[in-house]
Amino acid sequence: RQWHEWTTTGRLGDIFYAEAEYIHELHDMIRN
């Protein structure tokens, strides 16, 4: 939410690239 204030006011300029990673090991939710 804080970053949203910065991006909507143009603090970063025009965003041309973004990335995200979500790594969460869930073996026990895939198989018992």
All heavy atoms as atom14 arrays in JSON, in Angstrom:
{
  "sequence": "RQWHEWTTTGRLGDIFYAEAEYIHELHDMIRN",
  "atom14_mask": [
    [1, 1, 1, 1, 1, 1, 1, 1, 1, 1, 1, 0, 0, 0],
    [1, 1, 1, 1, 1, 1, 1, 1, 1, 0, 0, 0, 0, 0],
    [1, 1, 1, 1, 1, 1, 1, 1, 1, 1, 1, 1, 1, 1],
    [1, 1, 1, 1, 1, 1, 1, 1, 1, 1, 0, 0, 0, 0],
    [1, 1, 1, 1, 1, 1, 1, 1, 1, 0, 0, 0, 0, 0],
    [1, 1, 1, 1, 1, 1, 1, 1, 1, 1, 1, 1, 1, 1],
    [1, 1, 1, 1, 1, 1, 1, 0, 0, 0, 0, 0, 0, 0],
    [1, 1, 1, 1, 1, 1, 1, 0, 0, 0, 0, 0, 0, 0],
    [1, 1, 1, 1, 1, 1, 1, 0, 0, 0, 0, 0, 0, 0],
    [1, 1, 1, 1, 0, 0, 0, 0, 0, 0, 0, 0, 0, 0],
    [1, 1, 1, 1, 1, 1, 1, 1, 1, 1, 1, 0, 0, 0],
    [1, 1, 1, 1, 1, 1, 1, 1, 0, 0, 0, 0, 0, 0],
    [1, 1, 1, 1, 0, 0, 0, 0, 0, 0, 0, 0, 0, 0],
    [1, 1, 1, 1, 1, 1, 1, 1, 0, 0, 0, 0, 0, 0],
    [1, 1, 1, 1, 1, 1, 1, 1, 0, 0, 0, 0, 0, 0],
    [1, 1, 1, 1, 1, 1, 1, 1, 1, 1, 1, 0, 0, 0],
    [1, 1, 1, 1, 1, 1, 1, 1, 1, 1, 1, 1, 0, 0],
    [1, 1, 1, 1, 1, 0, 0, 0, 0, 0, 0, 0, 0, 0],
    [1, 1, 1, 1, 1, 1, 1, 1, 1, 0, 0, 0, 0, 0],
    [1, 1, 1, 1, 1, 0, 0, 0, 0, 0, 0, 0, 0, 0],
    [1, 1, 1, 1, 1, 1, 1, 1, 1, 0, 0, 0, 0, 0],
    [1, 1, 1, 1, 1, 1, 1, 1, 1, 1, 1, 1, 0, 0],
    [1, 1, 1, 1, 1, 1, 1, 1, 0, 0, 0, 0, 0, 0],
    [1, 1, 1, 1, 1, 1, 1, 1, 1, 1, 0, 0, 0, 0],
    [1, 1, 1, 1, 1, 1, 1, 1, 1, 0, 0, 0, 0, 0],
    [1, 1, 1, 1, 1, 1, 1, 1, 0, 0, 0, 0, 0, 0],
    [1, 1, 1, 1, 1, 1, 1, 1, 1, 1, 0, 0, 0, 0],
    [1, 1, 1, 1, 1, 1, 1, 1, 0, 0, 0, 0, 0, 0],
    [1, 1, 1, 1, 1, 1, 1, 1, 0, 0, 0, 0, 0, 0],
    [1, 1, 1, 1, 1, 1, 1, 1, 0, 0, 0, 0, 0, 0],
    [1, 1, 1, 1, 1, 1, 1, 1, 1, 1, 1, 0, 0, 0],
    [1, 1, 1, 1, 1, 1, 1, 1, 0, 0, 0, 0, 0, 0]
  ],
  "atom14_positions": [
    [[0.84, -1.21, 0.0], [0.0, 0.0, 0.0], [0.87, 1.26, 0.0], [0.53, 2.26, -0.64], [-0.93, 0.0, 1.22], [-1.76, -1.25, 1.4], [-2.67, -1.55, 0.23], [-3.87, -0.75, 0.25], [-4.87, -0.89, -0.62], [-4.8, -1.79, -1.58], [-5.94, -0.14, -0.55], [0.0, 0.0, 0.0], [0.0, 0.0, 0.0], [0.0, 0.0, 0.0]],
    [[1.99, 1.2, 0.7], [2.9, 2.34, 0.71], [3.52, 2.53, -0.67], [3.59, 3.66, -1.18], [3.99, 2.12, 1.76], [4.94, 3.3, 1.92], [5.94, 3.06, 3.02], [6.59, 2.03, 3.06], [6.07, 4.02, 3.91], [0.0, 0.0, 0.0], [0.0, 0.0, 0.0], [0.0, 0.0, 0.0], [0.0, 0.0, 0.0], [0.0, 0.0, 0.0]],
    [[3.96, 1.44, -1.29], [4.51, 1.53, -2.64], [3.48, 2.09, -3.61], [3.83, 2.8, -4.55], [4.97, 0.16, -3.12], [6.16, -0.41, -2.42], [6.79, 0.06, -1.31], [6.87, -1.59, -2.8], [7.83, -0.75, -0.96], [7.9, -1.77, -1.86], [6.71, -2.52, -3.83], [8.8, -2.85, -1.94], [7.59, -3.59, -3.92], [8.63, -3.75, -2.98]],
    [[2.21, 1.72, -3.4], [1.16, 2.19, -4.3], [1.09, 3.71, -4.31], [0.88, 4.34, -5.37], [-0.18, 1.59, -3.88], [-1.27, 1.8, -4.88], [-2.47, 2.39, -4.55], [-1.35, 1.52, -6.21], [-3.23, 2.46, -5.62], [-2.59, 1.93, -6.64], [0.0, 0.0, 0.0], [0.0, 0.0, 0.0], [0.0, 0.0, 0.0], [0.0, 0.0, 0.0]],
    [[1.28, 4.33, -3.17], [1.31, 5.79, -3.11], [2.45, 6.33, -3.96], [2.31, 7.33, -4.66], [1.45, 6.26, -1.66], [0.27, 5.93, -0.77], [0.49, 6.41, 0.65], [1.45, 7.18, 0.89], [-0.29, 6.01, 1.54], [0.0, 0.0, 0.0], [0.0, 0.0, 0.0], [0.0, 0.0, 0.0], [0.0, 0.0, 0.0], [0.0, 0.0, 0.0]],
    [[3.6, 5.66, -3.9], [4.76, 6.13, -4.64], [4.61, 5.93, -6.14], [4.99, 6.78, -6.94], [6.02, 5.41, -4.15], [6.33, 5.69, -2.7], [5.85, 6.72, -1.93], [7.18, 4.93, -1.85], [6.36, 6.64, -0.65], [7.18, 5.56, -0.57], [7.95, 3.79, -2.02], [7.91, 5.07, 0.5], [8.69, 3.3, -0.94], [8.67, 3.93, 0.29]],
    [[4.05, 4.78, -6.54], [3.92, 4.54, -7.99], [2.84, 5.42, -8.6], [2.98, 5.89, -9.74], [3.61, 3.06, -8.28], [2.4, 2.67, -7.62], [4.76, 2.17, -7.85], [0.0, 0.0, 0.0], [0.0, 0.0, 0.0], [0.0, 0.0, 0.0], [0.0, 0.0, 0.0], [0.0, 0.0, 0.0], [0.0, 0.0, 0.0], [0.0, 0.0, 0.0]],
    [[1.74, 5.67, -7.87], [0.67, 6.49, -8.45], [1.06, 7.95, -8.54], [0.5, 8.69, -9.37], [-0.63, 6.35, -7.63], [-0.36, 6.66, -6.26], [-1.19, 4.95, -7.75], [0.0, 0.0, 0.0], [0.0, 0.0, 0.0], [0.0, 0.0, 0.0], [0.0, 0.0, 0.0], [0.0, 0.0, 0.0], [0.0, 0.0, 0.0], [0.0, 0.0, 0.0]],
    [[2.0, 8.4, -7.72], [2.48, 9.78, -7.8], [3.67, 9.92, -8.74], [4.23, 11.01, -8.87], [2.86, 10.31, -6.42], [3.85, 9.45, -5.83], [1.63, 10.38, -5.51], [0.0, 0.0, 0.0], [0.0, 0.0, 0.0], [0.0, 0.0, 0.0], [0.0, 0.0, 0.0], [0.0, 0.0, 0.0], [0.0, 0.0, 0.0], [0.0, 0.0, 0.0]],
    [[4.06, 8.82, -9.39], [5.12, 8.88, -10.39], [6.52, 8.91, -9.84], [7.47, 9.25, -10.56], [0.0, 0.0, 0.0], [0.0, 0.0, 0.0], [0.0, 0.0, 0.0], [0.0, 0.0, 0.0], [0.0, 0.0, 0.0], [0.0, 0.0, 0.0], [0.0, 0.0, 0.0], [0.0, 0.0, 0.0], [0.0, 0.0, 0.0], [0.0, 0.0, 0.0]],
    [[6.68, 8.52, -8.59], [8.02, 8.62, -7.98], [9.04, 7.73, -8.68], [10.22, 8.08, -8.76], [7.93, 8.25, -6.5], [9.12, 8.73, -5.7], [8.92, 8.52, -4.21], [10.05, 9.04, -3.47], [10.3, 8.8, -2.19], [9.45, 8.03, -1.51], [11.35, 9.3, -1.59], [0.0, 0.0, 0.0], [0.0, 0.0, 0.0], [0.0, 0.0, 0.0]],
    [[8.58, 6.58, -9.2], [9.49, 5.68, -9.93], [9.51, 5.97, -11.42], [10.25, 5.31, -12.16], [9.08, 4.22, -9.72], [9.24, 3.64, -8.32], [8.74, 2.2, -8.29], [10.69, 3.7, -7.87], [0.0, 0.0, 0.0], [0.0, 0.0, 0.0], [0.0, 0.0, 0.0], [0.0, 0.0, 0.0], [0.0, 0.0, 0.0], [0.0, 0.0, 0.0]],
    [[8.74, 6.91, -11.88], [8.6, 7.15, -13.31], [7.68, 6.11, -13.93], [6.81, 5.54, -13.25], [0.0, 0.0, 0.0], [0.0, 0.0, 0.0], [0.0, 0.0, 0.0], [0.0, 0.0, 0.0], [0.0, 0.0, 0.0], [0.0, 0.0, 0.0], [0.0, 0.0, 0.0], [0.0, 0.0, 0.0], [0.0, 0.0, 0.0], [0.0, 0.0, 0.0]],
    [[7.85, 5.86, -15.2], [7.05, 4.85, -15.9], [7.65, 3.47, -15.64], [8.84, 3.24, -15.91], [7.03, 5.12, -17.4], [6.34, 6.42, -17.75], [5.4, 6.8, -17.03], [6.74, 7.07, -18.74], [0.0, 0.0, 0.0], [0.0, 0.0, 0.0], [0.0, 0.0, 0.0], [0.0, 0.0, 0.0], [0.0, 0.0, 0.0], [0.0, 0.0, 0.0]],
    [[6.85, 2.55, -15.13], [7.34, 1.2, -14.81], [7.34, 0.37, -16.09], [6.31, 0.19, -16.73], [6.48, 0.55, -13.72], [6.58, 1.37, -12.43], [6.94, -0.89, -13.46], [5.62, 0.95, -11.35], [0.0, 0.0, 0.0], [0.0, 0.0, 0.0], [0.0, 0.0, 0.0], [0.0, 0.0, 0.0], [0.0, 0.0, 0.0], [0.0, 0.0, 0.0]],
    [[8.52, -0.15, -16.43], [8.65, -0.92, -17.67], [8.95, -2.4, -17.41], [8.85, -3.22, -18.33], [9.74, -0.32, -18.56], [11.1, -0.22, -17.92], [11.98, -1.28, -17.93], [11.48, 0.96, -17.29], [13.23, -1.19, -17.34], [12.74, 1.06, -16.68], [13.61, -0.02, -16.7], [0.0, 0.0, 0.0], [0.0, 0.0, 0.0], [0.0, 0.0, 0.0]],
    [[9.31, -2.76, -16.17], [9.61, -4.16, -15.85], [9.29, -4.4, -14.39], [9.55, -3.56, -13.52], [11.08, -4.47, -16.12], [11.46, -5.89, -15.71], [11.14, -6.97, -16.51], [12.11, -6.13, -14.5], [11.47, -8.26, -16.13], [12.45, -7.42, -14.11], [12.12, -8.48, -14.94], [12.44, -9.77, -14.56], [0.0, 0.0, 0.0], [0.0, 0.0, 0.0]],
    [[8.74, -5.57, -14.11], [8.47, -5.98, -12.73], [8.62, -7.49, -12.63], [8.45, -8.21, -13.61], [7.07, -5.55, -12.29], [0.0, 0.0, 0.0], [0.0, 0.0, 0.0], [0.0, 0.0, 0.0], [0.0, 0.0, 0.0], [0.0, 0.0, 0.0], [0.0, 0.0, 0.0], [0.0, 0.0, 0.0], [0.0, 0.0, 0.0], [0.0, 0.0, 0.0]],
    [[8.95, -7.95, -11.44], [9.03, -9.39, -11.23], [8.59, -9.73, -9.81], [8.58, -8.88, -8.91], [10.44, -9.91, -11.49], [11.52, -9.38, -10.57], [12.89, -9.95, -10.94], [13.45, -9.51, -11.95], [13.38, -10.82, -10.21], [0.0, 0.0, 0.0], [0.0, 0.0, 0.0], [0.0, 0.0, 0.0], [0.0, 0.0, 0.0], [0.0, 0.0, 0.0]],
    [[8.21, -10.98, -9.66], [7.79, -11.47, -8.35], [8.14, -12.94, -8.24], [8.16, -13.67, -9.25], [6.29, -11.25, -8.15], [0.0, 0.0, 0.0], [0.0, 0.0, 0.0], [0.0, 0.0, 0.0], [0.0, 0.0, 0.0], [0.0, 0.0, 0.0], [0.0, 0.0, 0.0], [0.0, 0.0, 0.0], [0.0, 0.0, 0.0], [0.0, 0.0, 0.0]],
    [[8.4, -13.38, -7.02], [8.65, -14.79, -6.72], [7.82, -15.16, -5.5], [7.77, -14.4, -4.53], [10.12, -15.06, -6.45], [11.04, -14.73, -7.61], [12.5, -15.01, -7.3], [12.79, -15.67, -6.27], [13.36, -14.55, -8.07], [0.0, 0.0, 0.0], [0.0, 0.0, 0.0], [0.0, 0.0, 0.0], [0.0, 0.0, 0.0], [0.0, 0.0, 0.0]],
    [[7.16, -16.29, -5.6], [6.45, -16.82, -4.44], [6.86, -18.28, -4.29], [6.43, -19.15, -5.05], [4.94, -16.68, -4.63], [4.11, -17.26, -3.5], [4.59, -17.3, -2.18], [2.84, -17.76, -3.74], [3.82, -17.84, -1.15], [2.06, -18.28, -2.72], [2.56, -18.32, -1.43], [1.8, -18.86, -0.42], [0.0, 0.0, 0.0], [0.0, 0.0, 0.0]],
    [[7.71, -18.54, -3.32], [8.23, -19.88, -3.05], [7.72, -20.31, -1.68], [8.03, -19.68, -0.67], [9.78, -19.91, -3.05], [10.33, -19.15, -4.25], [10.29, -21.34, -3.01], [9.95, -19.73, -5.59], [0.0, 0.0, 0.0], [0.0, 0.0, 0.0], [0.0, 0.0, 0.0], [0.0, 0.0, 0.0], [0.0, 0.0, 0.0], [0.0, 0.0, 0.0]],
    [[6.92, -21.37, -1.66], [6.3, -21.81, -0.41], [6.16, -23.33, -0.48], [5.3, -23.85, -1.19], [4.93, -21.15, -0.25], [4.31, -21.36, 1.09], [3.03, -20.93, 1.4], [4.78, -21.94, 2.23], [2.76, -21.24, 2.65], [3.8, -21.85, 3.18], [0.0, 0.0, 0.0], [0.0, 0.0, 0.0], [0.0, 0.0, 0.0], [0.0, 0.0, 0.0]],
    [[7.0, -24.03, 0.23], [7.03, -25.5, 0.19], [5.8, -26.05, 0.92], [5.59, -25.8, 2.11], [8.33, -26.0, 0.84], [8.52, -27.5, 0.74], [8.08, -28.22, 2.0], [8.73, -28.04, 3.04], [7.08, -28.96, 1.91], [0.0, 0.0, 0.0], [0.0, 0.0, 0.0], [0.0, 0.0, 0.0], [0.0, 0.0, 0.0], [0.0, 0.0, 0.0]],
    [[4.98, -26.8, 0.17], [3.7, -27.31, 0.68], [3.57, -28.81, 0.44], [2.48, -29.29, 0.1], [2.54, -26.58, 0.0], [2.43, -25.07, 0.23], [1.36, -24.48, -0.67], [2.14, -24.76, 1.69], [0.0, 0.0, 0.0], [0.0, 0.0, 0.0], [0.0, 0.0, 0.0], [0.0, 0.0, 0.0], [0.0, 0.0, 0.0], [0.0, 0.0, 0.0]],
    [[4.64, -29.56, 0.61], [4.59, -31.0, 0.34], [3.43, -31.68, 1.08], [2.74, -32.54, 0.52], [5.9, -31.66, 0.74], [7.06, -31.28, -0.11], [8.24, -31.99, -0.15], [7.24, -30.26, -0.98], [9.09, -31.43, -0.99], [8.51, -30.35, -1.49], [0.0, 0.0, 0.0], [0.0, 0.0, 0.0], [0.0, 0.0, 0.0], [0.0, 0.0, 0.0]],
    [[3.22, -31.28, 2.33], [2.2, -31.96, 3.13], [0.78, -31.57, 2.71], [-0.19, -32.2, 3.15], [2.4, -31.68, 4.62], [2.32, -30.2, 4.97], [2.4, -29.35, 4.05], [2.18, -29.87, 6.15], [0.0, 0.0, 0.0], [0.0, 0.0, 0.0], [0.0, 0.0, 0.0], [0.0, 0.0, 0.0], [0.0, 0.0, 0.0], [0.0, 0.0, 0.0]],
    [[0.64, -30.56, 1.85], [-0.66, -30.2, 1.31], [-0.86, -30.76, -0.1], [-1.93, -30.57, -0.69], [-0.84, -28.68, 1.29], [-0.89, -28.07, 2.68], [-1.27, -26.3, 2.61], [-1.28, -25.9, 4.36], [0.0, 0.0, 0.0], [0.0, 0.0, 0.0], [0.0, 0.0, 0.0], [0.0, 0.0, 0.0], [0.0, 0.0, 0.0], [0.0, 0.0, 0.0]],
    [[0.17, -31.41, -0.61], [0.08, -32.08, -1.92], [-0.15, -33.57, -1.72], [-0.97, -34.18, -2.4], [1.35, -31.81, -2.74], [1.41, -30.32, -3.1], [1.4, -32.68, -3.99], [2.69, -29.9, -3.77], [0.0, 0.0, 0.0], [0.0, 0.0, 0.0], [0.0, 0.0, 0.0], [0.0, 0.0, 0.0], [0.0, 0.0, 0.0], [0.0, 0.0, 0.0]],
    [[0.55, -34.15, -0.74], [0.42, -35.59, -0.49], [0.64, -35.88, 0.98], [1.51, -35.29, 1.62], [1.44, -36.38, -1.32], [1.44, -37.87, -1.05], [2.54, -38.58, -1.81], [3.86, -38.14, -1.38], [5.0, -38.57, -1.96], [4.94, -39.41, -2.98], [6.16, -38.13, -1.54], [0.0, 0.0, 0.0], [0.0, 0.0, 0.0], [0.0, 0.0, 0.0]],
    [[-0.15, -36.81, 1.51], [0.08, -37.33, 2.85], [1.1, -38.45, 2.74], [0.82, -39.51, 2.18], [-1.24, -37.85, 3.44], [-1.09, -38.31, 4.87], [-0.11, -38.98, 5.23], [-2.07, -38.0, 5.7], [0.0, 0.0, 0.0], [0.0, 0.0, 0.0], [0.0, 0.0, 0.0], [0.0, 0.0, 0.0], [0.0, 0.0, 0.0], [0.0, 0.0, 0.0]]
  ]
}
